[in-house]
Amino acid sequence: MNSNHDDTPDRRRIWWLSGAAGLLAVPLLVLWWPGCRQYPPVTSKESLGLIKLLYTACNTKDPARLAKVEQGMDKAISQGKMTPPEQAAFHQIIGLAKAGDWKRAEKAAFKFAQDQVGQGSNASRGK
């Protein structure tokens, strides 16, 4: 006496779980996709300037410019113009450069700058 009514709750559950898994997969895919934001938004014009200097330092493999980025970071941090996520991003890229991986540092600095474009950071609103 097994009818289709006996399978209906299981089928509904399977469809519901499949739909839920699909809905969860979309945000994960967006976060994973290479073209999506990788770095945090910067919150000051000082940080934007430091991103430019960081990219130039990495592009030219210039330790003196890299040191200027670190000095600028220290100043921005002491003035409360750089958030911890921004600091972490800068430190990660600077670490690559200091380890001699200038090419990866350059690509990372470029991506950091790219992630600022059109993202509505406070810096882009002139704060």
Protein backbone atom coordinates (compact mmCIF):
# COMPACT_ATOMS: atom_id res chain seq x y z
CA MET A 1 0.00 0.00 0.00
CA ASN A 2 2.80 2.35 -0.78
CA SER A 3 1.36 5.35 -2.66
CA ASN A 4 2.76 8.61 -3.95
CA HIS A 5 1.47 10.31 -0.81
CA ASP A 6 4.04 8.42 1.25
CA ASP A 7 6.90 9.85 -0.88
CA THR A 8 5.60 13.42 -0.95
CA PRO A 9 7.12 14.63 2.35
CA ASP A 10 10.51 13.14 1.41
CA ARG A 11 10.37 14.69 -2.04
CA ARG A 12 9.42 18.06 -0.60
CA ARG A 13 12.32 17.82 1.85
CA ILE A 14 14.74 16.92 -0.95
CA TRP A 15 13.51 19.82 -3.09
CA TRP A 16 13.71 22.20 -0.13
CA LEU A 17 17.25 21.08 0.74
CA SER A 18 18.30 21.34 -2.90
CA GLY A 19 16.89 24.87 -3.10
CA ALA A 20 18.54 25.89 0.16
CA ALA A 21 21.88 24.50 -0.99
CA GLY A 22 21.54 26.38 -4.27
CA LEU A 23 20.79 29.64 -2.48
CA LEU A 24 23.81 29.18 -0.22
CA ALA A 25 26.04 28.35 -3.17
CA VAL A 26 25.43 31.71 -4.89
CA PRO A 27 27.02 33.91 -2.19
CA LEU A 28 29.88 31.45 -1.80
CA LEU A 29 30.51 31.54 -5.53
CA VAL A 30 30.48 35.34 -5.50
CA LEU A 31 33.04 35.39 -2.68
CA TRP A 32 35.23 32.79 -4.35
CA TRP A 33 35.08 34.15 -7.92
CA PRO A 34 38.46 35.65 -8.84
CA GLY A 35 37.03 38.93 -10.12
CA CYS A 36 35.25 39.74 -6.87
CA ARG A 37 36.47 41.91 -4.03
CA GLN A 38 39.47 40.46 -2.30
CA TYR A 39 40.62 43.45 -0.25
CA PRO A 40 38.73 45.66 2.19
CA PRO A 41 37.54 49.13 1.24
CA VAL A 42 39.83 51.89 2.42
CA THR A 43 38.39 54.58 4.64
CA SER A 44 40.60 57.59 3.98
CA LYS A 45 42.26 59.48 1.16
CA GLU A 46 45.58 58.80 2.92
CA SER A 47 45.05 55.06 2.49
CA LEU A 48 44.21 55.54 -1.18
CA GLY A 49 47.45 57.44 -1.64
CA LEU A 50 49.35 54.69 0.14
CA ILE A 51 47.86 52.08 -2.19
CA LYS A 52 49.22 54.05 -5.15
CA LEU A 53 52.62 54.33 -3.52
CA LEU A 54 52.56 50.63 -2.62
CA TYR A 55 51.83 49.66 -6.21
CA THR A 56 54.63 51.92 -7.47
CA ALA A 57 57.06 50.48 -4.92
CA CYS A 58 56.21 46.93 -5.96
CA ASN A 59 56.19 47.73 -9.66
CA THR A 60 59.63 49.33 -9.48
CA LYS A 61 60.95 46.90 -6.83
CA ASP A 62 61.97 49.89 -4.74
CA PRO A 63 62.65 49.16 -1.04
CA ALA A 64 62.90 52.91 -0.29
CA ARG A 65 59.35 53.49 -1.56
CA LEU A 66 58.21 50.44 0.37
CA ALA A 67 59.66 52.02 3.52
CA LYS A 68 57.70 55.21 2.74
CA VAL A 69 54.52 53.14 2.58
CA GLU A 70 55.28 51.72 6.02
CA GLN A 71 55.97 55.21 7.40
CA GLY A 72 52.71 56.45 5.88
CA MET A 73 50.88 53.51 7.40
CA ASP A 74 52.29 54.27 10.85
CA LYS A 75 51.12 57.88 10.52
CA ALA A 76 47.65 56.89 9.26
CA ILE A 77 47.27 54.34 12.06
CA SER A 78 48.31 56.84 14.73
CA GLN A 79 45.78 59.33 13.35
CA GLY A 80 43.03 56.71 13.32
CA LYS A 81 42.74 56.83 9.54
CA MET A 82 43.33 53.15 8.84
CA THR A 83 41.17 50.25 9.95
CA PRO A 84 42.59 46.89 11.07
CA PRO A 85 41.44 45.15 7.85
CA GLU A 86 43.23 47.82 5.79
CA GLN A 87 46.36 47.38 7.92
CA ALA A 88 46.26 43.62 7.39
CA ALA A 89 45.98 44.06 3.62
CA PHE A 90 48.94 46.44 3.52
CA HIS A 91 51.03 44.18 5.76
CA GLN A 92 50.28 41.14 3.62
CA ILE A 93 51.39 42.89 0.41
CA ILE A 94 54.44 44.49 2.04
CA GLY A 95 55.40 41.06 3.38
CA LEU A 96 55.38 39.64 -0.15
CA ALA A 97 57.62 42.45 -1.36
CA LYS A 98 60.03 42.14 1.56
CA ALA A 99 60.28 38.41 0.89
CA GLY A 100 61.41 39.25 -2.64
CA ASP A 101 58.17 38.19 -4.32
CA TRP A 102 57.80 41.53 -6.07
CA LYS A 103 55.65 40.18 -8.90
CA ARG A 104 52.99 38.77 -6.55
CA ALA A 105 53.19 41.91 -4.44
CA GLU A 106 52.66 44.04 -7.54
CA LYS A 107 49.63 41.98 -8.59
CA ALA A 108 48.22 42.12 -5.06
CA ALA A 109 48.73 45.90 -4.83
CA PHE A 110 47.00 46.31 -8.19
CA LYS A 111 44.07 44.16 -7.02
CA PHE A 112 43.90 46.16 -3.78
CA ALA A 113 43.63 49.36 -5.84
CA GLN A 114 41.18 47.77 -8.24
CA ASP A 115 38.93 46.72 -5.37
CA GLN A 116 38.57 50.38 -4.39
CA VAL A 117 37.12 51.47 -7.72
CA GLY A 118 33.38 51.95 -7.63
CA GLN A 119 32.97 50.27 -4.25
CA GLY A 120 31.61 53.33 -2.45
CA SER A 121 34.37 53.55 0.13
CA ASN A 122 34.43 56.61 2.38
CA ALA A 123 37.57 57.67 0.58
CA SER A 124 35.75 57.86 -2.75
CA ARG A 125 33.18 60.19 -1.14
CA GLY A 126 35.92 62.63 -0.17
CA LYS A 127 36.04 61.88 3.56
